[in-house]
């Protein structure tokens, strides 16, 4: 087994680590997914001494690993076939979890179908997957069809400083019908939706509201990935009482139209491949096609007994 110099990352590593992450994400997902500024902001929130490590060999960055939220290990390796280094980094992260927690921890991570090394790594080290997502894509060659709104429903743009709590409650309520959903606090939801990042653009969040009461019936929460000029439909949610009226389709078409006028023609989203509401069929009906797949892997680990 090769020997590596493994240590916590330093600010001076940031550019090399970002390049490694961006390269792996581009191969696995078709998009870098994070900017250098995103990584810098993340490092400011992580305890780098405990939650991340870099591996060097002959002064070249060979790997990077991070533990997000104390339970989500992510591994990036320069040589995609180097399962030995990936294993070493995974064991380091799991060791950190065991030493820090006093009770059982449920670890979970995301792995692209294209990354055979990481699929093998997690599957052979006690992780199991029962949940998979499709990445779907379309190119806007022409102006999308105009959305058809049900009577009494109006659409408006999210207003920062006013709509946070109502949007959170509507999105969380709708998410209860996702078989994999774990309820989030407002703080956890806001972080998940990247509201603390420079890339957050509230003008790409749209709310479908009941005209009289202004109650939110559904939301579509989009984001823009500038490096690849790609629009992402991040969350599309309709509350139970307003389903089967075409609101989800209308929100989607409204978003596509906004992306079109902004000259953002490449559109992507990810969706549960076994969606209880059959969401993939909706996306296919407006011209989106599956291009990739990724899997969620989980593992429960116990802390070592007290000595």
C-alpha atoms as a PDB file:
ATOM      1  CA  UNK A   1       0.000   0.000   0.000  1.00  0.00           C
ATOM      2  CA  UNK A   2       1.348   3.404  -0.960  1.00  0.00           C
ATOM      3  CA  UNK A   3       2.319   5.834   1.755  1.00  0.00           C
ATOM      4  CA  UNK A   4       0.772   9.281   1.878  1.00  0.00           C
ATOM      5  CA  UNK A   5       1.243  12.351   4.006  1.00  0.00           C
ATOM      6  CA  UNK A   6      -2.183  12.922   5.556  1.00  0.00           C
ATOM      7  CA  UNK A   7      -3.025  16.038   7.573  1.00  0.00           C
ATOM      8  CA  UNK A   8      -5.814  18.591   8.098  1.00  0.00           C
ATOM      9  CA  UNK A   9      -6.161  21.032   5.197  1.00  0.00           C
ATOM     10  CA  UNK A  10      -4.710  24.516   5.296  1.00  0.00           C
ATOM     11  CA  UNK A  11      -5.844  27.661   3.530  1.00  0.00           C
ATOM     12  CA  UNK A  12      -2.916  27.198   1.161  1.00  0.00           C
ATOM     13  CA  UNK A  13      -4.490  23.893   0.019  1.00  0.00           C
ATOM     14  CA  UNK A  14      -7.763  25.488  -1.021  1.00  0.00           C
ATOM     15  CA  UNK A  15      -7.004  26.025  -4.717  1.00  0.00           C
ATOM     16  CA  UNK A  16      -5.714  22.471  -5.210  1.00  0.00           C
ATOM     17  CA  UNK A  17      -8.576  20.937  -3.244  1.00  0.00           C
ATOM     18  CA  UNK A  18     -11.150  22.909  -5.212  1.00  0.00           C
ATOM     19  CA  UNK A  19      -9.597  21.764  -8.478  1.00  0.00           C
ATOM     20  CA  UNK A  20      -9.778  18.138  -7.298  1.00  0.00           C
ATOM     21  CA  UNK A  21     -13.422  18.423  -6.206  1.00  0.00           C
ATOM     22  CA  UNK A  22     -14.424  20.238  -9.400  1.00  0.00           C
ATOM     23  CA  UNK A  23     -12.719  17.629 -11.591  1.00  0.00           C
ATOM     24  CA  UNK A  24     -14.356  14.676  -9.838  1.00  0.00           C
ATOM     25  CA  UNK A  25     -17.792  16.322  -9.778  1.00  0.00           C
ATOM     26  CA  UNK A  26     -17.548  17.214 -13.459  1.00  0.00           C
ATOM     27  CA  UNK A  27     -16.814  13.591 -14.382  1.00  0.00           C
ATOM     28  CA  UNK A  28     -19.444  12.211 -12.009  1.00  0.00           C
ATOM     29  CA  UNK A  29     -22.224  14.797 -12.398  1.00  0.00           C
ATOM     30  CA  UNK A  30     -21.310  16.927 -15.415  1.00  0.00           C
ATOM     31  CA  UNK A  31     -20.832  20.019 -13.268  1.00  0.00           C
ATOM     32  CA  UNK A  32     -18.167  21.304 -10.825  1.00  0.00           C
ATOM     33  CA  UNK A  33     -21.032  21.957  -8.344  1.00  0.00           C
ATOM     34  CA  UNK A  34     -18.900  24.209  -6.095  1.00  0.00           C
ATOM     35  CA  UNK A  35     -16.834  27.327  -6.673  1.00  0.00           C
ATOM     36  CA  UNK A  36     -13.643  28.176  -4.839  1.00  0.00           C
ATOM     37  CA  UNK A  37     -15.631  30.724  -2.832  1.00  0.00           C
ATOM     38  CA  UNK A  38     -18.182  28.044  -1.884  1.00  0.00           C
ATOM     39  CA  UNK A  39     -15.361  25.836  -0.599  1.00  0.00           C
ATOM     40  CA  UNK A  40     -13.787  28.738   1.284  1.00  0.00           C
ATOM     41  CA  UNK A  41     -17.119  29.468   2.987  1.00  0.00           C
ATOM     42  CA  UNK A  42     -17.555  25.794   3.843  1.00  0.00           C
ATOM     43  CA  UNK A  43     -14.098  25.628   5.412  1.00  0.00           C
ATOM     44  CA  UNK A  44     -14.919  28.620   7.551  1.00  0.00           C
ATOM     45  CA  UNK A  45     -17.822  26.633   9.025  1.00  0.00           C
ATOM     46  CA  UNK A  46     -15.983  23.310   9.376  1.00  0.00           C
ATOM     47  CA  UNK A  47     -13.576  22.377  12.127  1.00  0.00           C
ATOM     48  CA  UNK A  48     -10.839  21.489   9.664  1.00  0.00           C
ATOM     49  CA  UNK A  49      -8.757  19.786  12.330  1.00  0.00           C
ATOM     50  CA  UNK A  50     -11.534  17.270  13.018  1.00  0.00           C
ATOM     51  CA  UNK A  51     -13.731  17.270   9.914  1.00  0.00           C
ATOM     52  CA  UNK A  52     -11.392  17.155   6.918  1.00  0.00           C
ATOM     53  CA  UNK A  53      -8.043  15.875   5.705  1.00  0.00           C
ATOM     54  CA  UNK A  54      -5.800  16.037   2.660  1.00  0.00           C
ATOM     55  CA  UNK A  55      -3.443  13.341   1.395  1.00  0.00           C
ATOM     56  CA  UNK A  56      -0.254  14.222  -0.469  1.00  0.00           C
ATOM     57  CA  UNK A  57       2.267  12.059  -2.275  1.00  0.00           C
ATOM     58  CA  UNK A  58       5.465  13.570  -3.687  1.00  0.00           C
ATOM     59  CA  UNK A  59       4.069  17.072  -3.059  1.00  0.00           C
ATOM     60  CA  UNK A  60       1.007  16.369  -5.232  1.00  0.00           C
ATOM     61  CA  UNK A  61      -2.503  16.340  -3.838  1.00  0.00           C
ATOM     62  CA  UNK A  62      -3.726  12.752  -4.083  1.00  0.00           C
ATOM     63  CA  UNK A  63      -6.942  12.961  -2.092  1.00  0.00           C
ATOM     64  CA  UNK A  64      -9.281  15.013   0.060  1.00  0.00           C
ATOM     65  CA  UNK A  65     -11.977  13.898   2.498  1.00  0.00           C
ATOM     66  CA  UNK A  66     -14.529  15.831   4.515  1.00  0.00           C
ATOM     67  CA  UNK A  67     -17.155  15.018   7.099  1.00  0.00           C
ATOM     68  CA  UNK A  68     -20.199  17.264   6.713  1.00  0.00           C
ATOM     69  CA  UNK A  69     -22.663  17.778   9.546  1.00  0.00           C
ATOM     70  CA  UNK A  70     -20.772  15.148  11.529  1.00  0.00           C
ATOM     71  CA  UNK A  71     -22.363  12.285   9.594  1.00  0.00           C
ATOM     72  CA  UNK A  72     -21.747  12.669   5.855  1.00  0.00           C
ATOM     73  CA  UNK A  73     -18.371  11.426   4.545  1.00  0.00           C
ATOM     74  CA  UNK A  74     -17.309  12.635   1.108  1.00  0.00           C
ATOM     75  CA  UNK A  75     -14.118  11.469  -0.587  1.00  0.00           C
ATOM     76  CA  UNK A  76     -12.270  12.860  -3.585  1.00  0.00           C
ATOM     77  CA  UNK A  77      -9.256  11.149  -5.141  1.00  0.00           C
ATOM     78  CA  UNK A  78      -7.010  12.300  -7.978  1.00  0.00           C
ATOM     79  CA  UNK A  79      -6.579   8.774  -9.352  1.00  0.00           C
ATOM     80  CA  UNK A  80     -10.110   7.441  -9.791  1.00  0.00           C
ATOM     81  CA  UNK A  81      -8.855   3.846  -9.522  1.00  0.00           C
ATOM     82  CA  UNK A  82      -7.021   4.369  -6.231  1.00  0.00           C
ATOM     83  CA  UNK A  83      -9.330   2.463  -3.907  1.00  0.00           C
ATOM     84  CA  UNK A  84      -6.515   1.996  -1.365  1.00  0.00           C
ATOM     85  CA  UNK A  85      -6.299   5.731  -0.700  1.00  0.00           C
ATOM     86  CA  UNK A  86     -10.079   6.066  -0.730  1.00  0.00           C
ATOM     87  CA  UNK A  87     -10.237   3.339   1.932  1.00  0.00           C
ATOM     88  CA  UNK A  88      -7.612   5.071   4.085  1.00  0.00           C
ATOM     89  CA  UNK A  89      -9.516   8.357   3.939  1.00  0.00           C
ATOM     90  CA  UNK A  90     -12.836   6.676   4.741  1.00  0.00           C
ATOM     91  CA  UNK A  91     -11.334   4.944   7.782  1.00  0.00           C
ATOM     92  CA  UNK A  92      -9.943   8.273   8.994  1.00  0.00           C
ATOM     93  CA  UNK A  93     -13.373   9.904   8.754  1.00  0.00           C
ATOM     94  CA  UNK A  94     -15.138   6.997  10.433  1.00  0.00           C
ATOM     95  CA  UNK A  95     -12.531   7.069  13.197  1.00  0.00           C
ATOM     96  CA  UNK A  96     -13.261  10.743  13.770  1.00  0.00           C
ATOM     97  CA  UNK A  97     -16.984  10.009  14.043  1.00  0.00           C
ATOM     98  CA  UNK A  98     -16.433   7.187  16.538  1.00  0.00           C
ATOM     99  CA  UNK A  99     -14.163   9.279  18.723  1.00  0.00           C
ATOM    100  CA  UNK A 100     -16.451  12.314  18.784  1.00  0.00           C
ATOM    101  CA  UNK A 101     -19.869  10.728  19.322  1.00  0.00           C
ATOM    102  CA  UNK A 102     -21.243   8.985  22.400  1.00  0.00           C
ATOM    103  CA  UNK A 103     -24.040   7.140  20.631  1.00  0.00           C
ATOM    104  CA  UNK A 104     -24.853   5.384  17.374  1.00  0.00           C
ATOM    105  CA  UNK A 105     -24.421   7.571  14.298  1.00  0.00           C
ATOM    106  CA  UNK A 106     -26.150   6.998  10.962  1.00  0.00           C
ATOM    107  CA  UNK A 107     -23.702   7.946   8.245  1.00  0.00           C
ATOM    108  CA  UNK A 108     -24.849   8.722   4.733  1.00  0.00           C
ATOM    109  CA  UNK A 109     -23.205   9.850   1.517  1.00  0.00           C
ATOM    110  CA  UNK A 110     -23.917  10.325  -2.172  1.00  0.00           C
ATOM    111  CA  UNK A 111     -22.072   8.390  -4.902  1.00  0.00           C
ATOM    112  CA  UNK A 112     -22.371   8.758  -8.664  1.00  0.00           C
ATOM    113  CA  UNK A 113     -23.178   5.669 -10.713  1.00  0.00           C
ATOM    114  CA  UNK A 114     -20.147   6.647 -12.801  1.00  0.00           C
ATOM    115  CA  UNK A 115     -17.709   6.402  -9.895  1.00  0.00           C
ATOM    116  CA  UNK A 116     -17.131   2.664  -9.705  1.00  0.00           C
ATOM    117  CA  UNK A 117     -14.303   3.022  -7.182  1.00  0.00           C
ATOM    118  CA  UNK A 118     -16.440   4.810  -4.590  1.00  0.00           C
ATOM    119  CA  UNK A 119     -19.388   2.503  -5.229  1.00  0.00           C
ATOM    120  CA  UNK A 120     -17.121  -0.444  -4.475  1.00  0.00           C
ATOM    121  CA  UNK A 121     -15.580   1.318  -1.493  1.00  0.00           C
ATOM    122  CA  UNK A 122     -18.828   2.016   0.325  1.00  0.00           C
ATOM    123  CA  UNK A 123     -20.545  -1.242  -0.620  1.00  0.00           C
ATOM    124  CA  UNK A 124     -17.602  -3.286   0.689  1.00  0.00           C
ATOM    125  CA  UNK A 125     -17.374  -1.389   3.973  1.00  0.00           C
ATOM    126  CA  UNK A 126     -20.824  -1.881   5.418  1.00  0.00           C
ATOM    127  CA  UNK A 127     -22.784   0.812   3.571  1.00  0.00           C
ATOM    128  CA  UNK A 128     -26.119  -0.006   1.955  1.00  0.00           C
ATOM    129  CA  UNK A 129     -28.211   1.808  -0.640  1.00  0.00           C
ATOM    130  CA  UNK A 130     -31.975   1.680  -1.037  1.00  0.00           C
ATOM    131  CA  UNK A 131     -32.376   5.119  -2.608  1.00  0.00           C
ATOM    132  CA  UNK A 132     -31.285   6.334  -6.030  1.00  0.00           C
ATOM    133  CA  UNK A 133     -31.759   9.592  -7.898  1.00  0.00           C
ATOM    134  CA  UNK A 134     -31.860  10.415 -11.578  1.00  0.00           C
ATOM    135  CA  UNK A 135     -30.154  13.525 -12.915  1.00  0.00           C
ATOM    136  CA  UNK A 136     -32.329  14.831 -15.749  1.00  0.00           C
ATOM    137  CA  UNK A 137     -31.444  17.447 -18.327  1.00  0.00           C
ATOM    138  CA  UNK A 138     -32.848  19.490 -21.175  1.00  0.00           C
ATOM    139  CA  UNK A 139     -31.679  22.265 -23.495  1.00  0.00           C
ATOM    140  CA  UNK A 140     -34.011  25.210 -24.034  1.00  0.00           C
ATOM    141  CA  UNK A 141     -33.880  25.634 -27.804  1.00  0.00           C
ATOM    142  CA  UNK A 142     -37.039  27.713 -27.823  1.00  0.00           C
ATOM    143  CA  UNK A 143     -39.312  29.589 -25.449  1.00  0.00           C
ATOM    144  CA  UNK A 144     -41.150  27.044 -23.248  1.00  0.00           C
ATOM    145  CA  UNK A 145     -44.928  26.711 -23.357  1.00  0.00           C
ATOM    146  CA  UNK A 146     -46.792  29.242 -21.255  1.00  0.00           C
ATOM    147  CA  UNK A 147     -47.814  27.815 -17.870  1.00  0.00           C
ATOM    148  CA  UNK A 148     -51.518  27.240 -17.290  1.00  0.00           C
ATOM    149  CA  UNK A 149     -52.464  28.259 -13.750  1.00  0.00           C
ATOM    150  CA  UNK A 150     -55.554  26.879 -11.990  1.00  0.00           C
ATOM    151  CA  UNK A 151     -58.228  29.396 -11.108  1.00  0.00           C
ATOM    152  CA  UNK A 152     -57.337  31.378  -7.997  1.00  0.00           C
ATOM    153  CA  UNK A 153     -53.611  30.588  -8.112  1.00  0.00           C
ATOM    154  CA  UNK A 154     -51.091  33.349  -8.725  1.00  0.00           C
ATOM    155  CA  UNK A 155     -47.307  33.093  -8.927  1.00  0.00           C
ATOM    156  CA  UNK A 156     -44.844  35.559  -7.481  1.00  0.00           C
ATOM    157  CA  UNK A 157     -41.166  35.799  -6.673  1.00  0.00           C
ATOM    158  CA  UNK A 158     -39.857  34.971  -3.201  1.00  0.00           C
ATOM    159  CA  UNK A 159     -39.244  38.105  -1.106  1.00  0.00           C
ATOM    160  CA  UNK A 160     -36.225  37.882   1.166  1.00  0.00           C
ATOM    161  CA  UNK A 161     -36.944  38.998   4.709  1.00  0.00           C
ATOM    162  CA  UNK A 162     -40.636  38.148   4.337  1.00  0.00           C
ATOM    163  CA  UNK A 163     -41.180  34.663   2.899  1.00  0.00           C
ATOM    164  CA  UNK A 164     -38.535  32.507   4.577  1.00  0.00           C
ATOM    165  CA  UNK A 165     -40.678  30.831   7.231  1.00  0.00           C
ATOM    166  CA  UNK A 166     -43.763  30.309   5.038  1.00  0.00           C
ATOM    167  CA  UNK A 167     -41.664  28.858   2.223  1.00  0.00           C
ATOM    168  CA  UNK A 168     -39.873  26.575   4.671  1.00  0.00           C
ATOM    169  CA  UNK A 169     -43.168  25.280   6.087  1.00  0.00           C
ATOM    170  CA  UNK A 170     -44.685  24.679   2.644  1.00  0.00           C
ATOM    171  CA  UNK A 171     -41.599  22.890   1.317  1.00  0.00           C
ATOM    172  CA  UNK A 172     -41.261  20.745   4.418  1.00  0.00           C
ATOM    173  CA  UNK A 173     -44.964  19.808   4.415  1.00  0.00           C
ATOM    174  CA  UNK A 174     -44.817  18.723   0.782  1.00  0.00           C
ATOM    175  CA  UNK A 175     -41.612  16.782   1.429  1.00  0.00           C
ATOM    176  CA  UNK A 176     -43.385  14.495   3.909  1.00  0.00           C
ATOM    177  CA  UNK A 177     -44.451  12.364   0.954  1.00  0.00           C
ATOM    178  CA  UNK A 178     -40.861  11.712  -0.062  1.00  0.00           C
ATOM    179  CA  UNK A 179     -40.013   8.316   1.354  1.00  0.00           C
ATOM    180  CA  UNK A 180     -36.481   9.390   2.215  1.00  0.00           C
ATOM    181  CA  UNK A 181     -37.247  12.740   3.831  1.00  0.00           C
ATOM    182  CA  UNK A 182     -35.948  13.553   7.294  1.00  0.00           C
ATOM    183  CA  UNK A 183     -37.670  16.594   8.848  1.00  0.00           C
ATOM    184  CA  UNK A 184     -35.457  19.659   9.007  1.00  0.00           C
ATOM    185  CA  UNK A 185     -35.433  22.609  11.350  1.00  0.00           C
ATOM    186  CA  UNK A 186     -35.637  26.002   9.686  1.00  0.00           C
ATOM    187  CA  UNK A 187     -31.911  26.450  10.232  1.00  0.00           C
ATOM    188  CA  UNK A 188     -31.161  23.054   8.666  1.00  0.00           C
ATOM    189  CA  UNK A 189     -33.453  23.753   5.733  1.00  0.00           C
ATOM    190  CA  UNK A 190     -31.915  27.188   5.100  1.00  0.00           C
ATOM    191  CA  UNK A 191     -28.463  25.636   5.067  1.00  0.00           C
ATOM    192  CA  UNK A 192     -29.595  22.836   2.762  1.00  0.00           C
ATOM    193  CA  UNK A 193     -31.000  25.453   0.381  1.00  0.00           C
ATOM    194  CA  UNK A 194     -27.671  27.343   0.413  1.00  0.00           C
ATOM    195  CA  UNK A 195     -29.282  30.548   1.636  1.00  0.00           C
ATOM    196  CA  UNK A 196     -26.024  31.436   3.373  1.00  0.00           C
ATOM    197  CA  UNK A 197     -23.968  31.241   0.168  1.00  0.00           C
ATOM    198  CA  UNK A 198     -23.109  33.996  -2.274  1.00  0.00           C
ATOM    199  CA  UNK A 199     -24.638  31.939  -5.090  1.00  0.00           C
ATOM    200  CA  UNK A 200     -28.130  32.104  -3.513  1.00  0.00           C
ATOM    201  CA  UNK A 201     -30.448  34.055  -5.822  1.00  0.00           C
ATOM    202  CA  UNK A 202     -33.933  34.676  -4.359  1.00  0.00           C
ATOM    203  CA  UNK A 203     -35.142  35.997  -7.723  1.00  0.00           C
ATOM    204  CA  UNK A 204     -35.076  32.364  -8.934  1.00  0.00           C
ATOM    205  CA  UNK A 205     -37.452  31.177  -6.210  1.00  0.00           C
ATOM    206  CA  UNK A 206     -41.139  31.207  -7.156  1.00  0.00           C
ATOM    207  CA  UNK A 207     -44.226  30.733  -4.993  1.00  0.00           C
ATOM    208  CA  UNK A 208     -47.649  29.630  -6.211  1.00  0.00           C
ATOM    209  CA  UNK A 209     -50.183  31.225  -3.871  1.00  0.00           C
ATOM    210  CA  UNK A 210     -53.918  31.013  -3.271  1.00  0.00           C
ATOM    211  CA  UNK A 211     -55.157  34.390  -4.433  1.00  0.00           C
ATOM    212  CA  UNK A 212     -57.485  35.285  -1.574  1.00  0.00           C
ATOM    213  CA  UNK A 213     -55.482  34.067   1.381  1.00  0.00           C
ATOM    214  CA  UNK A 214     -52.015  34.383  -0.202  1.00  0.00           C
ATOM    215  CA  UNK A 215     -51.322  30.949   1.317  1.00  0.00           C
ATOM    216  CA  UNK A 216     -48.500  29.109  -0.413  1.00  0.00           C
ATOM    217  CA  UNK A 217     -49.737  26.115  -2.409  1.00  0.00           C
ATOM    218  CA  UNK A 218     -46.439  25.167  -3.990  1.00  0.00           C
ATOM    219  CA  UNK A 219     -42.870  26.324  -4.514  1.00  0.00           C
ATOM    220  CA  UNK A 220     -40.086  25.920  -7.015  1.00  0.00           C
ATOM    221  CA  UNK A 221     -36.663  26.810  -5.632  1.00  0.00           C
ATOM    222  CA  UNK A 222     -34.074  27.130  -8.373  1.00  0.00           C
ATOM    223  CA  UNK A 223     -30.398  27.957  -8.473  1.00  0.00           C
ATOM    224  CA  UNK A 224     -27.888  29.034 -11.098  1.00  0.00           C
ATOM    225  CA  UNK A 225     -24.506  27.350 -11.520  1.00  0.00           C
ATOM    226  CA  UNK A 226     -22.488  30.121 -13.124  1.00  0.00           C
ATOM    227  CA  UNK A 227     -19.341  28.145 -14.049  1.00  0.00           C
ATOM    228  CA  UNK A 228     -21.351  25.896 -16.383  1.00  0.00           C
ATOM    229  CA  UNK A 229     -24.162  28.385 -17.140  1.00  0.00           C
ATOM    230  CA  UNK A 230     -26.661  25.780 -15.924  1.00  0.00           C
ATOM    231  CA  UNK A 231     -30.020  26.302 -14.269  1.00  0.00           C
ATOM    232  CA  UNK A 232     -30.943  23.786 -11.588  1.00  0.00           C
ATOM    233  CA  UNK A 233     -34.508  23.083 -10.479  1.00  0.00           C
ATOM    234  CA  UNK A 234     -33.504  22.305  -6.913  1.00  0.00           C
ATOM    235  CA  UNK A 235     -36.859  21.846  -5.157  1.00  0.00           C
ATOM    236  CA  UNK A 236     -40.309  21.558  -6.733  1.00  0.00           C
ATOM    237  CA  UNK A 237     -42.975  20.988  -4.103  1.00  0.00           C
ATOM    238  CA  UNK A 238     -46.775  21.166  -4.060  1.00  0.00           C
ATOM    239  CA  UNK A 239     -48.715  20.721  -0.840  1.00  0.00           C
ATOM    240  CA  UNK A 240     -51.235  17.870  -0.680  1.00  0.00           C
ATOM    241  CA  UNK A 241     -54.363  20.049  -0.681  1.00  0.00           C
ATOM    242  CA  UNK A 242     -53.378  21.608  -4.021  1.00  0.00           C
ATOM    243  CA  UNK A 243     -52.078  18.580  -5.905  1.00  0.00           C
ATOM    244  CA  UNK A 244     -53.451  17.174  -9.176  1.00  0.00           C
ATOM    245  CA  UNK A 245     -54.334  20.652 -10.450  1.00  0.00           C
ATOM    246  CA  UNK A 246     -51.288  21.238 -12.636  1.00  0.00           C
ATOM    247  CA  UNK A 247     -49.510  23.565 -10.206  1.00  0.00           C
ATOM    248  CA  UNK A 248     -46.261  21.603 -10.288  1.00  0.00           C
ATOM    249  CA  UNK A 249     -46.169  21.650 -14.084  1.00  0.00           C
ATOM    250  CA  UNK A 250     -46.997  25.368 -14.145  1.00  0.00           C
ATOM    251  CA  UNK A 251     -44.225  26.179 -11.647  1.00  0.00           C
ATOM    252  CA  UNK A 252     -41.778  24.158 -13.710  1.00  0.00           C
ATOM    253  CA  UNK A 253     -42.705  25.923 -16.965  1.00  0.00           C
ATOM    254  CA  UNK A 254     -42.549  29.293 -15.220  1.00  0.00           C
ATOM    255  CA  UNK A 255     -39.004  28.480 -14.076  1.00  0.00           C
ATOM    256  CA  UNK A 256     -37.942  27.332 -17.533  1.00  0.00           C
ATOM    257  CA  UNK A 257     -39.279  30.548 -19.040  1.00  0.00           C
ATOM    258  CA  UNK A 258     -37.301  32.622 -16.538  1.00  0.00           C
ATOM    259  CA  UNK A 259     -34.141  30.665 -17.317  1.00  0.00           C
ATOM    260  CA  UNK A 260     -34.766  31.131 -21.056  1.00  0.00           C
ATOM    261  CA  UNK A 261     -35.048  34.913 -20.793  1.00  0.00           C
ATOM    262  CA  UNK A 262     -31.837  34.968 -18.751  1.00  0.00           C
ATOM    263  CA  UNK A 263     -30.115  33.098 -21.580  1.00  0.00           C
ATOM    264  CA  UNK A 264     -29.623  30.052 -19.359  1.00  0.00           C
ATOM    265  CA  UNK A 265     -30.415  27.233 -21.747  1.00  0.00           C
ATOM    266  CA  UNK A 266     -28.971  24.155 -20.017  1.00  0.00           C
ATOM    267  CA  UNK A 267     -31.380  22.918 -17.324  1.00  0.00           C
ATOM    268  CA  UNK A 268     -30.876  20.085 -14.853  1.00  0.00           C
ATOM    269  CA  UNK A 269     -32.531  18.559 -11.816  1.00  0.00           C
ATOM    270  CA  UNK A 270     -32.295  15.433  -9.696  1.00  0.00           C
ATOM    271  CA  UNK A 271     -35.290  13.345  -8.713  1.00  0.00           C
ATOM    272  CA  UNK A 272     -35.961  10.182  -6.729  1.00  0.00           C
ATOM    273  CA  UNK A 273     -36.024   7.394  -9.311  1.00  0.00           C
ATOM    274  CA  UNK A 274     -38.906   5.763  -7.392  1.00  0.00           C
ATOM    275  CA  UNK A 275     -40.779   8.982  -6.574  1.00  0.00           C
ATOM    276  CA  UNK A 276     -44.096   8.344  -4.822  1.00  0.00           C
ATOM    277  CA  UNK A 277     -45.645  11.157  -6.864  1.00  0.00           C
ATOM    278  CA  UNK A 278     -44.106   9.861 -10.116  1.00  0.00           C
ATOM    279  CA  UNK A 279     -42.186  13.093 -10.609  1.00  0.00           C
ATOM    280  CA  UNK A 280     -39.924  11.706 -13.384  1.00  0.00           C
ATOM    281  CA  UNK A 281     -42.983  11.404 -15.636  1.00  0.00           C
ATOM    282  CA  UNK A 282     -43.742  15.114 -15.178  1.00  0.00           C
ATOM    283  CA  UNK A 283     -40.209  16.078 -16.118  1.00  0.00           C
ATOM    284  CA  UNK A 284     -40.154  13.771 -19.117  1.00  0.00           C
ATOM    285  CA  UNK A 285     -43.425  15.286 -20.338  1.00  0.00           C
ATOM    286  CA  UNK A 286     -41.771  18.687 -20.805  1.00  0.00           C
ATOM    287  CA  UNK A 287     -38.740  17.257 -22.576  1.00  0.00           C
ATOM    288  CA  UNK A 288     -36.242  16.361 -19.859  1.00  0.00           C
ATOM    289  CA  UNK A 289     -34.212  13.171 -20.208  1.00  0.00           C
ATOM    290  CA  UNK A 290     -32.239  11.158 -17.634  1.00  0.00           C
ATOM    291  CA  UNK A 291     -28.490  11.460 -18.137  1.00  0.00           C
ATOM    292  CA  UNK A 292     -26.981  10.206 -14.877  1.00  0.00           C
ATOM    293  CA  UNK A 293     -27.798   8.380 -11.680  1.00  0.00           C
ATOM    294  CA  UNK A 294     -26.454   8.546  -8.166  1.00  0.00           C
ATOM    295  CA  UNK A 295     -27.062   6.535  -5.033  1.00  0.00           C
ATOM    296  CA  UNK A 296     -27.427   7.334  -1.354  1.00  0.00           C
ATOM    297  CA  UNK A 297     -25.409   5.003   0.874  1.00  0.00           C
ATOM    298  CA  UNK A 298     -26.006   4.633   4.608  1.00  0.00           C
ATOM    299  CA  UNK A 299     -24.238   2.935   7.499  1.00  0.00           C
ATOM    300  CA  UNK A 300     -24.787   2.908  11.261  1.00  0.00           C
ATOM    301  CA  UNK A 301     -21.675   2.917  13.435  1.00  0.00           C
ATOM    302  CA  UNK A 302     -21.307   2.715  17.191  1.00  0.00           C
ATOM    303  CA  UNK A 303     -18.886   4.669  19.314  1.00  0.00           C
ATOM    304  CA  UNK A 304     -16.266   2.552  21.060  1.00  0.00           C
ATOM    305  CA  UNK A 305     -17.150   1.518  24.642  1.00  0.00           C
ATOM    306  CA  UNK A 306     -15.832   3.685  27.433  1.00  0.00           C
ATOM    307  CA  UNK A 307     -12.582   2.408  28.845  1.00  0.00           C
END
